[in-house]
Amino acid sequence: MKVRVDETRCCGAGQCVLLAPEVFDQRDEDGIVVLLTPEPAPPHHPTVREAAAVCPTSAITVDEDGSGSGT
């Protein structure tokens, strides 16, 4: 799994950080998402998928096979 974030789309809602703090953080100055782990370990995959699903601006992209095609 590879994860990408589009900082320009992020609105700073913070749901990703609440769901997967091992993978996501937020900048102190504006709350925009910071990707800590672009290739999270398998135990984190379910929460990363959930974070992407609940992101209000679809700023998180998950590529399940790591090929870069995105899902």
PDB file of N, CA and C in Angstrom:
ATOM      1  N   MET A   1       0.843  -1.188   0.000  1.00  0.00           N
ATOM      2  CA  MET A   1       0.000   0.000   0.000  1.00  0.00           C
ATOM      3  C   MET A   1       0.880   1.240   0.000  1.00  0.00           C
ATOM      4  N   LYS A   2       0.513   2.183  -0.863  1.00  0.00           N
ATOM      5  CA  LYS A   2       1.138   3.504  -0.854  1.00  0.00           C
ATOM      6  C   LYS A   2       0.053   4.547  -0.642  1.00  0.00           C
ATOM      7  N   VAL A   3       0.382   5.561   0.120  1.00  0.00           N
ATOM      8  CA  VAL A   3      -0.565   6.624   0.453  1.00  0.00           C
ATOM      9  C   VAL A   3      -0.002   7.941  -0.061  1.00  0.00           C
ATOM     10  N   ARG A   4      -0.885   8.742  -0.630  1.00  0.00           N
ATOM     11  CA  ARG A   4      -0.524  10.099  -1.061  1.00  0.00           C
ATOM     12  C   ARG A   4      -1.551  11.066  -0.484  1.00  0.00           C
ATOM     13  N   VAL A   5      -1.113  12.282  -0.242  1.00  0.00           N
ATOM     14  CA  VAL A   5      -2.041  13.328   0.194  1.00  0.00           C
ATOM     15  C   VAL A   5      -1.874  14.538  -0.715  1.00  0.00           C
ATOM     16  N   ASP A   6      -2.977  15.197  -0.965  1.00  0.00           N
ATOM     17  CA  ASP A   6      -2.980  16.431  -1.745  1.00  0.00           C
ATOM     18  C   ASP A   6      -3.222  17.571  -0.764  1.00  0.00           C
ATOM     19  N   GLU A   7      -2.138  18.216  -0.365  1.00  0.00           N
ATOM     20  CA  GLU A   7      -2.243  19.286   0.631  1.00  0.00           C
ATOM     21  C   GLU A   7      -3.128  20.431   0.160  1.00  0.00           C
ATOM     22  N   THR A   8      -3.221  20.630  -1.151  1.00  0.00           N
ATOM     23  CA  THR A   8      -4.043  21.728  -1.659  1.00  0.00           C
ATOM     24  C   THR A   8      -5.530  21.450  -1.482  1.00  0.00           C
ATOM     25  N   ARG A   9      -5.900  20.184  -1.360  1.00  0.00           N
ATOM     26  CA  ARG A   9      -7.310  19.826  -1.160  1.00  0.00           C
ATOM     27  C   ARG A   9      -7.693  19.729   0.312  1.00  0.00           C
ATOM     28  N   CYS A  10      -6.709  19.550   1.173  1.00  0.00           N
ATOM     29  CA  CYS A  10      -6.963  19.335   2.599  1.00  0.00           C
ATOM     30  C   CYS A  10      -7.615  20.561   3.229  1.00  0.00           C
ATOM     31  N   CYS A  11      -8.659  20.318   4.019  1.00  0.00           N
ATOM     32  CA  CYS A  11      -9.338  21.416   4.723  1.00  0.00           C
ATOM     33  C   CYS A  11      -9.023  21.412   6.217  1.00  0.00           C
ATOM     34  N   GLY A  12      -8.180  20.467   6.664  1.00  0.00           N
ATOM     35  CA  GLY A  12      -7.774  20.452   8.060  1.00  0.00           C
ATOM     36  C   GLY A  12      -8.796  19.874   9.019  1.00  0.00           C
ATOM     37  N   ALA A  13      -9.696  19.033   8.524  1.00  0.00           N
ATOM     38  CA  ALA A  13     -10.721  18.447   9.394  1.00  0.00           C
ATOM     39  C   ALA A  13     -10.111  17.548  10.466  1.00  0.00           C
ATOM     40  N   GLY A  14      -9.011  16.875  10.147  1.00  0.00           N
ATOM     41  CA  GLY A  14      -8.294  16.091  11.149  1.00  0.00           C
ATOM     42  C   GLY A  14      -8.788  14.683  11.384  1.00  0.00           C
ATOM     43  N   GLN A  15      -9.765  14.226  10.627  1.00  0.00           N
ATOM     44  CA  GLN A  15     -10.274  12.868  10.820  1.00  0.00           C
ATOM     45  C   GLN A  15      -9.190  11.825  10.562  1.00  0.00           C
ATOM     46  N   CYS A  16      -8.323  12.080   9.606  1.00  0.00           N
ATOM     47  CA  CYS A  16      -7.249  11.137   9.295  1.00  0.00           C
ATOM     48  C   CYS A  16      -6.311  10.961  10.491  1.00  0.00           C
ATOM     49  N   VAL A  17      -6.011  12.058  11.169  1.00  0.00           N
ATOM     50  CA  VAL A  17      -5.115  12.012  12.321  1.00  0.00           C
ATOM     51  C   VAL A  17      -5.762  11.253  13.469  1.00  0.00           C
ATOM     52  N   LEU A  18      -7.043  11.458  13.668  1.00  0.00           N
ATOM     53  CA  LEU A  18      -7.751  10.744  14.724  1.00  0.00           C
ATOM     54  C   LEU A  18      -7.802   9.240  14.450  1.00  0.00           C
ATOM     55  N   LEU A  19      -7.975   8.868  13.188  1.00  0.00           N
ATOM     56  CA  LEU A  19      -8.082   7.451  12.833  1.00  0.00           C
ATOM     57  C   LEU A  19      -6.733   6.750  12.733  1.00  0.00           C
ATOM     58  N   ALA A  20      -5.739   7.419  12.188  1.00  0.00           N
ATOM     59  CA  ALA A  20      -4.444   6.779  11.940  1.00  0.00           C
ATOM     60  C   ALA A  20      -3.291   7.724  12.297  1.00  0.00           C
ATOM     61  N   PRO A  21      -3.088   7.983  13.581  1.00  0.00           N
ATOM     62  CA  PRO A  21      -2.041   8.927  13.989  1.00  0.00           C
ATOM     63  C   PRO A  21      -0.630   8.434  13.683  1.00  0.00           C
ATOM     64  N   GLU A  22      -0.475   7.146  13.404  1.00  0.00           N
ATOM     65  CA  GLU A  22       0.832   6.618  13.039  1.00  0.00           C
ATOM     66  C   GLU A  22       1.203   6.990  11.607  1.00  0.00           C
ATOM     67  N   VAL A  23       0.195   7.344  10.822  1.00  0.00           N
ATOM     68  CA  VAL A  23       0.399   7.611   9.401  1.00  0.00           C
ATOM     69  C   VAL A  23       0.228   9.091   9.060  1.00  0.00           C
ATOM     70  N   PHE A  24      -0.677   9.777   9.764  1.00  0.00           N
ATOM     71  CA  PHE A  24      -0.995  11.172   9.455  1.00  0.00           C
ATOM     72  C   PHE A  24      -0.772  12.077  10.658  1.00  0.00           C
ATOM     73  N   ASP A  25      -0.424  13.320  10.378  1.00  0.00           N
ATOM     74  CA  ASP A  25      -0.337  14.360  11.395  1.00  0.00           C
ATOM     75  C   ASP A  25      -0.858  15.639  10.747  1.00  0.00           C
ATOM     76  N   GLN A  26      -0.887  16.719  11.504  1.00  0.00           N
ATOM     77  CA  GLN A  26      -1.323  18.013  10.975  1.00  0.00           C
ATOM     78  C   GLN A  26      -0.290  19.073  11.308  1.00  0.00           C
ATOM     79  N   ARG A  27      -0.111  20.014  10.371  1.00  0.00           N
ATOM     80  CA  ARG A  27       0.785  21.139  10.634  1.00  0.00           C
ATOM     81  C   ARG A  27       0.164  22.017  11.713  1.00  0.00           C
ATOM     82  N   ASP A  28       0.998  22.470  12.614  1.00  0.00           N
ATOM     83  CA  ASP A  28       0.520  23.310  13.713  1.00  0.00           C
ATOM     84  C   ASP A  28      -0.057  24.634  13.227  1.00  0.00           C
ATOM     85  N   GLU A  29       0.556  25.215  12.195  1.00  0.00           N
ATOM     86  CA  GLU A  29       0.163  26.560  11.785  1.00  0.00           C
ATOM     87  C   GLU A  29      -1.184  26.630  11.081  1.00  0.00           C
ATOM     88  N   ASP A  30      -1.563  25.570  10.348  1.00  0.00           N
ATOM     89  CA  ASP A  30      -2.819  25.654   9.594  1.00  0.00           C
ATOM     90  C   ASP A  30      -3.662  24.378   9.590  1.00  0.00           C
ATOM     91  N   GLY A  31      -3.198  23.329  10.253  1.00  0.00           N
ATOM     92  CA  GLY A  31      -3.976  22.099  10.343  1.00  0.00           C
ATOM     93  C   GLY A  31      -3.943  21.215   9.111  1.00  0.00           C
ATOM     94  N   ILE A  32      -3.158  21.576   8.106  1.00  0.00           N
ATOM     95  CA  ILE A  32      -3.091  20.784   6.882  1.00  0.00           C
ATOM     96  C   ILE A  32      -2.387  19.456   7.163  1.00  0.00           C
ATOM     97  N   VAL A  33      -2.861  18.420   6.504  1.00  0.00           N
ATOM     98  CA  VAL A  33      -2.346  17.065   6.709  1.00  0.00           C
ATOM     99  C   VAL A  33      -0.861  16.956   6.376  1.00  0.00           C
ATOM    100  N   VAL A  34      -0.180  16.135   7.170  1.00  0.00           N
ATOM    101  CA  VAL A  34       1.214  15.779   6.939  1.00  0.00           C
ATOM    102  C   VAL A  34       1.265  14.255   6.887  1.00  0.00           C
ATOM    103  N   LEU A  35       1.804  13.711   5.821  1.00  0.00           N
ATOM    104  CA  LEU A  35       1.920  12.264   5.674  1.00  0.00           C
ATOM    105  C   LEU A  35       3.212  11.819   6.342  1.00  0.00           C
ATOM    106  N   LEU A  36       3.082  11.025   7.399  1.00  0.00           N
ATOM    107  CA  LEU A  36       4.241  10.554   8.145  1.00  0.00           C
ATOM    108  C   LEU A  36       4.827   9.282   7.541  1.00  0.00           C
ATOM    109  N   THR A  37       3.942   8.436   7.000  1.00  0.00           N
ATOM    110  CA  THR A  37       4.363   7.123   6.508  1.00  0.00           C
ATOM    111  C   THR A  37       3.699   6.841   5.168  1.00  0.00           C
ATOM    112  N   PRO A  38       4.394   7.083   4.058  1.00  0.00           N
ATOM    113  CA  PRO A  38       3.790   6.859   2.746  1.00  0.00           C
ATOM    114  C   PRO A  38       3.505   5.395   2.432  1.00  0.00           C
ATOM    115  N   GLU A  39       4.216   4.480   3.098  1.00  0.00           N
ATOM    116  CA  GLU A  39       3.990   3.051   2.909  1.00  0.00           C
ATOM    117  C   GLU A  39       3.758   2.409   4.273  1.00  0.00           C
ATOM    118  N   PRO A  40       2.549   2.558   4.822  1.00  0.00           N
ATOM    119  CA  PRO A  40       2.280   2.057   6.167  1.00  0.00           C
ATOM    120  C   PRO A  40       2.331   0.533   6.238  1.00  0.00           C
ATOM    121  N   ALA A  41       2.643   0.039   7.410  1.00  0.00           N
ATOM    122  CA  ALA A  41       2.685  -1.403   7.662  1.00  0.00           C
ATOM    123  C   ALA A  41       1.270  -1.983   7.561  1.00  0.00           C
ATOM    124  N   PRO A  42       1.167  -3.248   7.194  1.00  0.00           N
ATOM    125  CA  PRO A  42      -0.153  -3.881   7.037  1.00  0.00           C
ATOM    126  C   PRO A  42      -1.126  -3.702   8.205  1.00  0.00           C
ATOM    127  N   PRO A  43      -0.672  -3.706   9.459  1.00  0.00           N
ATOM    128  CA  PRO A  43      -1.649  -3.507  10.542  1.00  0.00           C
ATOM    129  C   PRO A  43      -2.377  -2.161  10.479  1.00  0.00           C
ATOM    130  N   HIS A  44      -1.799  -1.173   9.779  1.00  0.00           N
ATOM    131  CA  HIS A  44      -2.400   0.152   9.675  1.00  0.00           C
ATOM    132  C   HIS A  44      -3.301   0.308   8.443  1.00  0.00           C
ATOM    133  N   HIS A  45      -3.284  -0.633   7.551  1.00  0.00           N
ATOM    134  CA  HIS A  45      -4.043  -0.517   6.306  1.00  0.00           C
ATOM    135  C   HIS A  45      -5.539  -0.262   6.523  1.00  0.00           C
ATOM    136  N   PRO A  46      -6.211  -0.984   7.419  1.00  0.00           N
ATOM    137  CA  PRO A  46      -7.652  -0.712   7.595  1.00  0.00           C
ATOM    138  C   PRO A  46      -7.964   0.718   8.025  1.00  0.00           C
ATOM    139  N   THR A  47      -7.168   1.278   8.938  1.00  0.00           N
ATOM    140  CA  THR A  47      -7.465   2.633   9.398  1.00  0.00           C
ATOM    141  C   THR A  47      -7.091   3.672   8.344  1.00  0.00           C
ATOM    142  N   VAL A  48      -6.069   3.381   7.534  1.00  0.00           N
ATOM    143  CA  VAL A  48      -5.712   4.292   6.441  1.00  0.00           C
ATOM    144  C   VAL A  48      -6.835   4.321   5.408  1.00  0.00           C
ATOM    145  N   ARG A  49      -7.390   3.150   5.071  1.00  0.00           N
ATOM    146  CA  ARG A  49      -8.527   3.098   4.141  1.00  0.00           C
ATOM    147  C   ARG A  49      -9.711   3.888   4.686  1.00  0.00           C
ATOM    148  N   GLU A  50      -9.968   3.741   5.980  1.00  0.00           N
ATOM    149  CA  GLU A  50     -11.086   4.464   6.594  1.00  0.00           C
ATOM    150  C   GLU A  50     -10.830   5.967   6.573  1.00  0.00           C
ATOM    151  N   ALA A  51      -9.596   6.368   6.862  1.00  0.00           N
ATOM    152  CA  ALA A  51      -9.244   7.794   6.835  1.00  0.00           C
ATOM    153  C   ALA A  51      -9.475   8.377   5.450  1.00  0.00           C
ATOM    154  N   ALA A  52      -9.074   7.644   4.417  1.00  0.00           N
ATOM    155  CA  ALA A  52      -9.287   8.110   3.042  1.00  0.00           C
ATOM    156  C   ALA A  52     -10.778   8.205   2.737  1.00  0.00           C
ATOM    157  N   ALA A  53     -11.547   7.252   3.227  1.00  0.00           N
ATOM    158  CA  ALA A  53     -12.984   7.229   2.954  1.00  0.00           C
ATOM    159  C   ALA A  53     -13.730   8.376   3.630  1.00  0.00           C
ATOM    160  N   VAL A  54     -13.292   8.774   4.814  1.00  0.00           N
ATOM    161  CA  VAL A  54     -14.016   9.822   5.552  1.00  0.00           C
ATOM    162  C   VAL A  54     -13.473  11.229   5.289  1.00  0.00           C
ATOM    163  N   CYS A  55     -12.378  11.337   4.556  1.00  0.00           N
ATOM    164  CA  CYS A  55     -11.815  12.660   4.272  1.00  0.00           C
ATOM    165  C   CYS A  55     -12.835  13.493   3.494  1.00  0.00           C
ATOM    166  N   PRO A  56     -13.253  14.641   4.037  1.00  0.00           N
ATOM    167  CA  PRO A  56     -14.317  15.419   3.390  1.00  0.00           C
ATOM    168  C   PRO A  56     -13.934  16.017   2.039  1.00  0.00           C
ATOM    169  N   THR A  57     -12.642  16.118   1.752  1.00  0.00           N
ATOM    170  CA  THR A  57     -12.220  16.704   0.480  1.00  0.00           C
ATOM    171  C   THR A  57     -11.516  15.692  -0.425  1.00  0.00           C
ATOM    172  N   SER A  58     -11.499  14.428  -0.025  1.00  0.00           N
ATOM    173  CA  SER A  58     -10.821  13.364  -0.791  1.00  0.00           C
ATOM    174  C   SER A  58      -9.357  13.705  -1.048  1.00  0.00           C
ATOM    175  N   ALA A  59      -8.701  14.237  -0.043  1.00  0.00           N
ATOM    176  CA  ALA A  59      -7.299  14.630  -0.167  1.00  0.00           C
ATOM    177  C   ALA A  59      -6.340  13.450  -0.023  1.00  0.00           C
ATOM    178  N   ILE A  60      -6.855  12.302   0.424  1.00  0.00           N
ATOM    179  CA  ILE A  60      -6.019  11.118   0.646  1.00  0.00           C
ATOM    180  C   ILE A  60      -6.289  10.101  -0.451  1.00  0.00           C
ATOM    181  N   THR A  61      -5.228   9.633  -1.080  1.00  0.00           N
ATOM    182  CA  THR A  61      -5.317   8.604  -2.109  1.00  0.00           C
ATOM    183  C   THR A  61      -4.583   7.366  -1.624  1.00  0.00           C
ATOM    184  N   VAL A  62      -5.235   6.217  -1.740  1.00  0.00           N
ATOM    185  CA  VAL A  62      -4.633   4.949  -1.349  1.00  0.00           C
ATOM    186  C   VAL A  62      -4.441   4.102  -2.588  1.00  0.00           C
ATOM    187  N   ASP A  63      -3.204   3.655  -2.791  1.00  0.00           N
ATOM    188  CA  ASP A  63      -2.859   2.768  -3.894  1.00  0.00           C
ATOM    189  C   ASP A  63      -2.598   1.405  -3.270  1.00  0.00           C
ATOM    190  N   GLU A  64      -3.532   0.504  -3.411  1.00  0.00           N
ATOM    191  CA  GLU A  64      -3.468  -0.794  -2.738  1.00  0.00           C
ATOM    192  C   GLU A  64      -2.293  -1.646  -3.183  1.00  0.00           C
ATOM    193  N   ASP A  65      -1.949  -1.631  -4.459  1.00  0.00           N
ATOM    194  CA  ASP A  65      -0.883  -2.505  -4.949  1.00  0.00           C
ATOM    195  C   ASP A  65       0.464  -1.807  -5.062  1.00  0.00           C
ATOM    196  N   GLY A  66       0.499  -0.519  -4.748  1.00  0.00           N
ATOM    197  CA  GLY A  66       1.762   0.207  -4.783  1.00  0.00           C
ATOM    198  C   GLY A  66       2.254   0.555  -6.172  1.00  0.00           C
ATOM    199  N   SER A  67       1.405   0.391  -7.184  1.00  0.00           N
ATOM    200  CA  SER A  67       1.844   0.631  -8.557  1.00  0.00           C
ATOM    201  C   SER A  67       1.761   2.099  -8.973  1.00  0.00           C
ATOM    202  N   GLY A  68       1.075   2.901  -8.144  1.00  0.00           N
ATOM    203  CA  GLY A  68       0.924   4.312  -8.479  1.00  0.00           C
ATOM    204  C   GLY A  68      -0.350   4.636  -9.210  1.00  0.00           C
ATOM    205  N   SER A  69      -1.175   3.617  -9.475  1.00  0.00           N
ATOM    206  CA  SER A  69      -2.409   3.851 -10.222  1.00  0.00           C
ATOM    207  C   SER A  69      -3.508   4.469  -9.371  1.00  0.00           C
ATOM    208  N   GLY A  70      -3.459   4.238  -8.033  1.00  0.00           N
ATOM    209  CA  GLY A  70      -4.459   4.804  -7.127  1.00  0.00           C
ATOM    210  C   GLY A  70      -5.761   4.048  -7.175  1.00  0.00           C
ATOM    211  N   THR A  71      -6.434   3.989  -5.976  1.00  0.00           N
ATOM    212  CA  THR A  71      -7.752   3.358  -5.890  1.00  0.00           C
ATOM    213  C   THR A  71      -8.651   4.162  -4.995  1.00  0.00           C
TER     214      THR A  71
END
